[in-house]
Amino acid sequence: MIFTTASAQPQHTGRGNWPTNRTALLLRLSSSLLELSCSFLTSRCKMVKLIIDGSSLSSKELEYVFHHVFLPPQLPNGDDASPTTELCLIELVRDCLIEFLPEVDLSYHEAIKSAAALMKNIHTSSSLDGYLQEDGVRAVLKQIGPHNFSESFASFHITAQNAGVMLRLDNDLVIFEMFELCPTNGSVYSTAGRLIRQFPAIAVGIPIHIYADDGFQDVLIKTLVKMSYQAVGEAIPKTKKAKQLHNEERDTVDPKIVTELLYGYLRGMGSEAHVSGITKHTREEVLWKQSKLPWRRSAVWLLIRVSLQLTLDRTAVGSGELYKSFIVFFLSRVLTAATDKKMDSEILMTIIVGRRTSRQLDQ
């Protein structure tokens, strides 16, 4: 693969260190930790007047968000992804950005508005079958340009290629950034702790006059949409059964169709771009038992996190903390919705608040 995943230092050995007995777990996470965590959330996000309504989320949608965002000890044993729940997650993040806007300093308002526009564009380009839709992609591409600078941010989930493509305006160039989403099963199994990953993998700058050409956009739209639903045999991992090679559906697809083929096409129209990236220490799981496909952490959730962090870090000059503050804000929103739905309150208020607040800033 063009993008490689490095092994993390064993900062955290996963969920195996957490006792399975609920009483023991509650004893380990004392009430003082809860008090400290809640105090941190309040001071960090200024959430005194925050009003969150979780009634719009169904129990299934909330459970999906809860599992993929928080990674609690008990996870499904098979794939639980669906286009509906992924769209719900996108909408939830966008709604939370809108709620977050009045809680931050005025100097950061444009950055939050740009992030909200990014989330809107991800939703607009996505279809109900889990792939890109042509009309939505066209609408998003048309609004990127000097005429609409504050909303010239977009990310596309290239589902069948296990890849993300991010677009943004940078002076007289439109920057395309590409990266792998879900890591391979081997990377997850062989790493004790978190995976250390760099985003983006590669980037290309296209002159704005070329990008704005209708012919260029027509080709780009059809390419992105087709890549989102059509897998390529050479990129699918193989397994040997009965002395024959078969597609291994339980592993992740190599994103080289995007990071090599699409990159090569765009490179011919523009030039390689040297961009500032980010390093993320991500927790991953691959689980399956009596299921066709394994459970793995949401590719859409990773796309959201990477896109938001890159956007906020670049637009909120002088604040490297804005993304982290928003993530804590978002976690509190999900927790509030979960308590409204009467999910297991003991686990919510001990494992989640204590554990995730202390570790989220490293992700």
Protein backbone atom coordinates (compact mmCIF):
# COMPACT_ATOMS: atom_id res chain seq x y z
CA MET A 1 0.00 0.00 0.00
CA ILE A 2 1.04 3.62 -0.49
CA PHE A 3 -0.10 4.33 3.05
CA THR A 4 1.40 2.26 5.80
CA THR A 5 0.34 1.85 9.39
CA ALA A 6 3.06 1.87 12.01
CA SER A 7 2.88 0.00 15.27
CA ALA A 8 2.20 2.09 18.31
CA GLN A 9 4.09 1.98 21.55
CA PRO A 10 2.15 -0.05 24.12
CA GLN A 11 0.67 2.97 25.89
CA HIS A 12 -2.58 1.11 26.43
CA THR A 13 -3.03 -2.60 26.03
CA GLY A 14 -6.67 -2.49 25.10
CA ARG A 15 -9.76 -3.60 26.93
CA GLY A 16 -8.11 -6.64 28.49
CA ASN A 17 -6.96 -4.61 31.51
CA TRP A 18 -10.50 -3.67 32.46
CA PRO A 19 -12.20 -6.06 34.93
CA THR A 20 -15.26 -7.82 33.60
CA ASN A 21 -16.99 -7.76 36.97
CA ARG A 22 -19.11 -4.62 37.17
CA THR A 23 -18.63 -4.18 40.91
CA ALA A 24 -14.86 -4.27 40.57
CA LEU A 25 -15.04 -1.82 37.70
CA LEU A 26 -17.13 0.61 39.70
CA LEU A 27 -14.68 0.40 42.58
CA ARG A 28 -11.77 1.23 40.31
CA LEU A 29 -13.54 4.25 38.83
CA SER A 30 -14.37 6.20 41.95
CA SER A 31 -16.81 9.02 42.35
CA SER A 32 -13.90 11.45 42.56
CA LEU A 33 -12.92 10.57 38.99
CA LEU A 34 -16.45 11.28 37.81
CA GLU A 35 -16.43 14.62 39.59
CA LEU A 36 -13.09 15.52 38.02
CA SER A 37 -14.21 14.43 34.55
CA CYS A 38 -17.46 16.37 34.71
CA SER A 39 -15.57 19.44 35.95
CA PHE A 40 -13.19 19.09 33.00
CA LEU A 41 -16.03 18.86 30.50
CA THR A 42 -17.69 21.96 31.95
CA SER A 43 -14.59 24.12 32.00
CA ARG A 44 -13.29 22.89 28.65
CA CYS A 45 -16.42 23.39 26.62
CA LYS A 46 -18.31 26.10 28.58
CA MET A 47 -21.40 23.94 28.54
CA VAL A 48 -23.38 25.73 31.26
CA LYS A 49 -26.28 26.56 28.97
CA LEU A 50 -25.97 23.64 26.58
CA ILE A 51 -29.27 22.09 25.57
CA ILE A 52 -29.08 18.70 23.89
CA ASP A 53 -32.00 16.72 22.66
CA GLY A 54 -31.37 13.04 21.97
CA SER A 55 -34.99 12.25 21.17
CA SER A 56 -34.35 12.44 17.42
CA LEU A 57 -32.03 9.40 17.61
CA SER A 58 -33.53 5.93 17.51
CA SER A 59 -32.15 3.34 19.91
CA LYS A 60 -30.43 1.56 17.02
CA GLU A 61 -28.79 4.74 15.76
CA LEU A 62 -27.65 5.73 19.23
CA GLU A 63 -26.22 2.27 19.88
CA TYR A 64 -24.25 2.48 16.61
CA VAL A 65 -22.85 5.91 17.47
CA PHE A 66 -22.08 4.81 21.02
CA HIS A 67 -20.12 1.74 19.90
CA HIS A 68 -18.06 3.44 17.21
CA VAL A 69 -17.36 6.70 19.02
CA PHE A 70 -16.60 5.36 22.50
CA LEU A 71 -15.44 1.77 21.87
CA PRO A 72 -16.95 0.37 25.11
CA PRO A 73 -15.83 -3.03 26.47
CA GLN A 74 -18.78 -4.91 24.96
CA LEU A 75 -18.92 -4.56 21.18
CA PRO A 76 -20.94 -6.38 18.49
CA ASN A 77 -19.52 -9.61 17.09
CA GLY A 78 -20.34 -8.71 13.50
CA ASP A 79 -20.71 -5.84 11.08
CA ASP A 80 -23.36 -3.33 12.20
CA ALA A 81 -22.81 -0.60 9.62
CA SER A 82 -25.62 0.72 7.45
CA PRO A 83 -25.96 3.82 5.26
CA THR A 84 -28.76 5.12 7.50
CA THR A 85 -26.72 5.00 10.69
CA GLU A 86 -23.69 6.52 8.96
CA LEU A 87 -25.78 9.42 7.69
CA CYS A 88 -27.14 9.81 11.21
CA LEU A 89 -23.60 10.10 12.57
CA ILE A 90 -22.76 12.78 9.99
CA GLU A 91 -25.88 14.76 10.87
CA LEU A 92 -25.16 14.44 14.58
CA VAL A 93 -21.67 15.90 14.20
CA ARG A 94 -22.97 18.77 12.07
CA ASP A 95 -25.73 19.57 14.56
CA CYS A 96 -23.19 19.55 17.36
CA LEU A 97 -20.93 21.96 15.46
CA ILE A 98 -23.85 24.36 15.15
CA GLU A 99 -24.48 24.05 18.91
CA PHE A 100 -20.78 24.54 19.59
CA LEU A 101 -20.59 27.83 17.65
CA PRO A 102 -21.90 30.18 20.37
CA GLU A 103 -19.68 28.46 22.97
CA VAL A 104 -16.39 29.53 21.37
CA ASP A 105 -14.62 32.85 21.01
CA LEU A 106 -15.78 35.02 18.11
CA SER A 107 -12.39 34.65 16.43
CA TYR A 108 -13.10 30.94 15.90
CA HIS A 109 -16.57 31.33 14.39
CA GLU A 110 -15.40 31.14 10.77
CA ALA A 111 -13.48 27.94 11.49
CA ILE A 112 -16.54 26.30 13.05
CA LYS A 113 -18.74 27.46 10.16
CA SER A 114 -16.26 25.96 7.69
CA ALA A 115 -16.32 22.67 9.62
CA ALA A 116 -20.13 22.68 9.60
CA ALA A 117 -20.09 23.30 5.84
CA LEU A 118 -17.68 20.38 5.46
CA MET A 119 -20.09 18.07 7.29
CA LYS A 120 -23.00 19.33 5.20
CA ASN A 121 -21.04 18.56 2.04
CA ILE A 122 -20.22 15.02 3.23
CA HIS A 123 -23.95 14.46 3.79
CA THR A 124 -24.95 16.04 0.46
CA SER A 125 -22.62 13.80 -1.53
CA SER A 126 -23.75 10.58 0.20
CA SER A 127 -26.64 8.44 -0.98
CA LEU A 128 -28.99 6.20 0.96
CA ASP A 129 -27.27 3.11 -0.45
CA GLY A 130 -23.93 4.02 1.14
CA TYR A 131 -22.13 5.35 -1.93
CA LEU A 132 -21.61 8.72 -3.57
CA GLN A 133 -24.46 10.20 -5.58
CA GLU A 134 -23.68 12.06 -8.79
CA ASP A 135 -25.96 15.06 -8.25
CA GLY A 136 -24.72 15.53 -4.71
CA VAL A 137 -21.05 15.36 -5.71
CA ARG A 138 -21.70 17.84 -8.52
CA ALA A 139 -23.39 20.28 -6.14
CA VAL A 140 -20.47 20.07 -3.71
CA LEU A 141 -17.78 20.54 -6.37
CA LYS A 142 -19.58 23.55 -7.87
CA GLN A 143 -19.54 25.46 -4.60
CA ILE A 144 -15.78 25.12 -4.07
CA GLY A 145 -14.06 28.23 -5.35
CA PRO A 146 -13.08 31.86 -4.62
CA HIS A 147 -16.76 32.86 -4.73
CA ASN A 148 -17.46 30.75 -1.64
CA PHE A 149 -14.24 30.55 0.30
CA SER A 150 -15.68 29.86 3.77
CA GLU A 151 -17.53 26.76 2.49
CA SER A 152 -14.85 25.47 0.10
CA PHE A 153 -14.21 22.32 2.10
CA ALA A 154 -15.39 18.82 1.23
CA SER A 155 -14.62 15.18 1.96
CA PHE A 156 -15.79 12.13 0.06
CA HIS A 157 -16.05 8.57 1.35
CA ILE A 158 -14.85 6.34 -1.48
CA THR A 159 -16.51 3.31 0.06
CA ALA A 160 -15.42 0.48 -2.24
CA GLN A 161 -11.79 1.66 -2.19
CA ASN A 162 -11.51 2.12 1.60
CA ALA A 163 -10.34 5.68 1.01
CA GLY A 164 -11.13 9.27 1.80
CA VAL A 165 -10.63 12.24 -0.54
CA MET A 166 -10.60 15.73 0.94
CA LEU A 167 -10.85 18.97 -1.07
CA ARG A 168 -10.14 22.55 -0.03
CA LEU A 169 -9.36 25.88 -1.64
CA ASP A 170 -5.84 27.24 -1.11
CA ASN A 171 -5.32 30.58 -2.88
CA ASP A 172 -5.43 29.76 -6.62
CA LEU A 173 -5.31 25.97 -6.13
CA VAL A 174 -7.80 23.31 -5.13
CA ILE A 175 -5.96 20.80 -2.95
CA PHE A 176 -6.93 17.12 -3.16
CA GLU A 177 -5.79 15.06 -0.17
CA MET A 178 -6.11 11.26 -0.16
CA PHE A 179 -5.74 8.67 2.56
CA GLU A 180 -6.63 5.15 3.68
CA LEU A 181 -9.52 4.73 6.11
CA CYS A 182 -9.76 1.32 7.81
CA PRO A 183 -6.40 -0.32 8.55
CA THR A 184 -5.75 -3.94 7.62
CA ASN A 185 -6.69 -6.74 9.99
CA GLY A 186 -3.00 -7.61 10.29
CA SER A 187 -2.13 -4.09 11.45
CA VAL A 188 -4.81 -4.22 14.13
CA TYR A 189 -3.95 -7.72 15.37
CA SER A 190 -0.20 -7.15 15.45
CA THR A 191 -0.27 -3.88 17.40
CA ALA A 192 -0.45 -3.79 21.19
CA GLY A 193 -2.16 -0.49 21.86
CA ARG A 194 -2.93 2.24 19.40
CA LEU A 195 -2.04 2.53 15.74
CA ILE A 196 0.07 5.54 14.79
CA ARG A 197 -1.23 6.89 11.49
CA GLN A 198 -0.37 9.89 9.32
CA PHE A 199 -2.98 11.90 7.39
CA PRO A 200 -3.13 12.67 4.54
CA ALA A 201 -1.09 10.11 2.64
CA ILE A 202 -0.60 12.26 -0.47
CA ALA A 203 -1.88 15.53 -1.91
CA VAL A 204 -2.21 17.22 -5.32
CA GLY A 205 -2.87 20.85 -6.20
CA ILE A 206 -5.09 21.63 -9.21
CA PRO A 207 -5.10 25.22 -10.60
CA ILE A 208 -8.49 26.80 -10.03
CA HIS A 209 -9.07 27.50 -13.75
CA ILE A 210 -8.62 23.79 -14.54
CA TYR A 211 -10.74 22.70 -11.59
CA ALA A 212 -13.60 25.03 -12.61
CA ASP A 213 -13.74 23.61 -16.15
CA ASP A 214 -16.98 21.70 -16.72
CA GLY A 215 -15.20 18.94 -18.61
CA PHE A 216 -12.76 18.33 -15.76
CA GLN A 217 -15.54 18.24 -13.19
CA ASP A 218 -17.68 15.88 -15.27
CA VAL A 219 -14.83 13.36 -15.48
CA LEU A 220 -13.99 13.78 -11.80
CA ILE A 221 -17.61 13.31 -10.70
CA LYS A 222 -18.10 10.11 -12.71
CA THR A 223 -14.75 8.77 -11.49
CA LEU A 224 -15.45 9.43 -7.81
CA VAL A 225 -18.95 7.98 -7.97
CA LYS A 226 -17.85 4.85 -9.83
CA MET A 227 -14.92 4.32 -7.47
CA SER A 228 -17.27 4.56 -4.50
CA TYR A 229 -19.29 1.48 -5.49
CA GLN A 230 -17.12 -0.59 -7.84
CA ALA A 231 -14.39 -2.67 -6.25
CA VAL A 232 -11.31 -3.67 -8.25
CA GLY A 233 -10.05 -7.24 -7.99
CA GLU A 234 -6.38 -6.26 -7.75
CA ALA A 235 -7.08 -4.18 -4.63
CA ILE A 236 -9.07 -6.83 -2.76
CA PRO A 237 -7.04 -9.03 -0.39
CA LYS A 238 -6.92 -12.75 -1.18
CA THR A 239 -7.08 -15.94 0.84
CA LYS A 240 -6.26 -19.47 -0.31
CA LYS A 241 -8.95 -22.12 0.01
CA ALA A 242 -8.89 -25.54 -1.64
CA LYS A 243 -5.68 -24.52 -3.44
CA GLN A 244 -7.43 -21.56 -5.06
CA LEU A 245 -7.31 -17.84 -4.33
CA HIS A 246 -10.55 -16.18 -3.26
CA ASN A 247 -11.45 -12.61 -2.31
CA GLU A 248 -11.10 -12.09 1.44
CA GLU A 249 -14.16 -10.00 2.26
CA ARG A 250 -13.31 -9.89 5.96
CA ASP A 251 -10.18 -7.80 5.39
CA THR A 252 -9.89 -4.22 4.13
CA VAL A 253 -9.35 -3.13 0.54
CA ASP A 254 -6.03 -1.60 -0.51
CA PRO A 255 -6.82 2.07 -1.36
CA LYS A 256 -4.32 2.15 -4.24
CA ILE A 257 -7.03 2.82 -6.84
CA VAL A 258 -7.39 6.22 -5.15
CA THR A 259 -3.86 6.81 -3.83
CA GLU A 260 -2.20 5.67 -7.07
CA LEU A 261 -4.66 5.75 -10.00
CA LEU A 262 -6.68 8.84 -9.06
CA TYR A 263 -3.56 10.52 -7.76
CA GLY A 264 -1.78 9.89 -11.06
CA TYR A 265 -4.64 11.38 -13.07
CA LEU A 266 -4.81 14.49 -10.88
CA ARG A 267 -1.02 14.82 -10.81
CA GLY A 268 -1.09 15.06 -14.60
CA MET A 269 -3.50 18.00 -14.38
CA GLY A 270 -1.66 19.80 -11.59
CA SER A 271 1.29 19.25 -9.30
CA GLU A 272 2.20 17.48 -6.09
CA ALA A 273 1.24 19.52 -3.04
CA HIS A 274 3.25 19.62 0.16
CA VAL A 275 0.74 20.02 2.97
CA SER A 276 0.82 19.99 6.74
CA GLY A 277 -0.63 16.76 8.07
CA ILE A 278 -1.61 15.23 11.38
CA THR A 279 -0.65 12.17 13.37
CA LYS A 280 -3.45 10.21 15.01
CA HIS A 281 -3.13 7.49 17.62
CA THR A 282 -6.24 5.47 16.85
CA ARG A 283 -7.83 2.56 18.68
CA GLU A 284 -9.13 -0.15 16.38
CA GLU A 285 -10.93 -3.47 16.78
CA VAL A 286 -11.75 -6.33 14.41
CA LEU A 287 -14.29 -8.73 15.91
CA TRP A 288 -16.48 -11.45 14.49
CA LYS A 289 -18.25 -14.53 15.76
CA GLN A 290 -20.83 -16.44 13.77
CA SER A 291 -21.13 -13.56 11.30
CA LYS A 292 -20.19 -13.12 7.67
CA LEU A 293 -18.32 -9.84 8.12
CA PRO A 294 -16.42 -8.58 11.17
CA TRP A 295 -17.18 -5.57 13.29
CA ARG A 296 -14.65 -2.83 12.80
CA ARG A 297 -14.59 0.80 13.81
CA SER A 298 -16.51 3.05 11.42
CA ALA A 299 -14.62 4.34 8.39
CA VAL A 300 -17.05 7.26 8.29
CA TRP A 301 -16.18 8.20 11.87
CA LEU A 302 -12.47 8.24 10.97
CA LEU A 303 -13.19 10.31 7.85
CA ILE A 304 -15.08 12.80 10.02
CA ARG A 305 -12.34 13.06 12.62
CA VAL A 306 -9.51 13.46 10.11
CA SER A 307 -11.43 15.99 8.02
CA LEU A 308 -12.50 18.04 11.03
CA GLN A 309 -9.05 18.12 12.60
CA LEU A 310 -7.33 19.14 9.37
CA THR A 311 -9.97 21.81 8.68
CA LEU A 312 -10.03 23.30 12.17
CA ASP A 313 -6.25 23.24 12.59
CA ARG A 314 -5.82 25.10 9.29
CA THR A 315 -8.62 27.64 9.63
CA ALA A 316 -8.40 28.42 13.36
CA VAL A 317 -5.00 30.08 13.31
CA GLY A 318 -3.31 30.07 16.70
CA SER A 319 -5.49 27.40 18.29
CA GLY A 320 -4.40 23.79 18.24
CA GLU A 321 -7.00 23.02 20.89
CA LEU A 322 -10.20 23.82 19.01
CA TYR A 323 -10.60 20.32 17.54
CA LYS A 324 -9.98 18.66 20.91
CA SER A 325 -12.46 20.97 22.61
CA PHE A 326 -15.09 20.15 20.03
CA ILE A 327 -14.56 16.41 20.38
CA VAL A 328 -15.11 16.61 24.14
CA PHE A 329 -18.20 18.71 23.46
CA PHE A 330 -19.44 16.08 21.00
CA LEU A 331 -18.80 13.24 23.46
CA SER A 332 -20.91 15.01 26.05
CA ARG A 333 -23.72 15.35 23.53
CA VAL A 334 -23.72 11.62 22.82
CA LEU A 335 -23.62 10.86 26.54
CA THR A 336 -26.61 13.10 27.16
CA ALA A 337 -28.56 11.41 24.36
CA ALA A 338 -27.60 8.00 25.76
CA THR A 339 -28.83 8.84 29.24
CA ASP A 340 -32.06 10.19 27.74
CA LYS A 341 -32.53 6.78 26.10
CA LYS A 342 -31.84 5.12 29.46
CA MET A 343 -28.84 3.13 28.33
CA ASP A 344 -26.86 1.40 31.08
CA SER A 345 -26.15 4.42 33.28
CA GLU A 346 -23.48 2.73 35.41
CA ILE A 347 -21.33 1.99 32.40
CA LEU A 348 -22.05 5.34 30.80
CA MET A 349 -21.13 7.42 33.81
CA THR A 350 -18.08 5.44 34.91
CA ILE A 351 -16.37 3.85 31.92
CA ILE A 352 -17.20 6.49 29.36
CA VAL A 353 -16.79 9.79 31.18
CA GLY A 354 -13.73 8.71 33.13
CA ARG A 355 -11.96 6.65 30.49
CA ARG A 356 -12.65 8.60 27.32
CA THR A 357 -12.15 12.07 28.76
CA SER A 358 -8.71 11.12 30.00
CA ARG A 359 -7.68 9.60 26.66
CA GLN A 360 -9.55 11.50 23.96
CA LEU A 361 -7.02 14.33 23.74
CA ASP A 362 -4.42 11.92 22.32
CA GLN A 363 -6.60 10.79 19.41
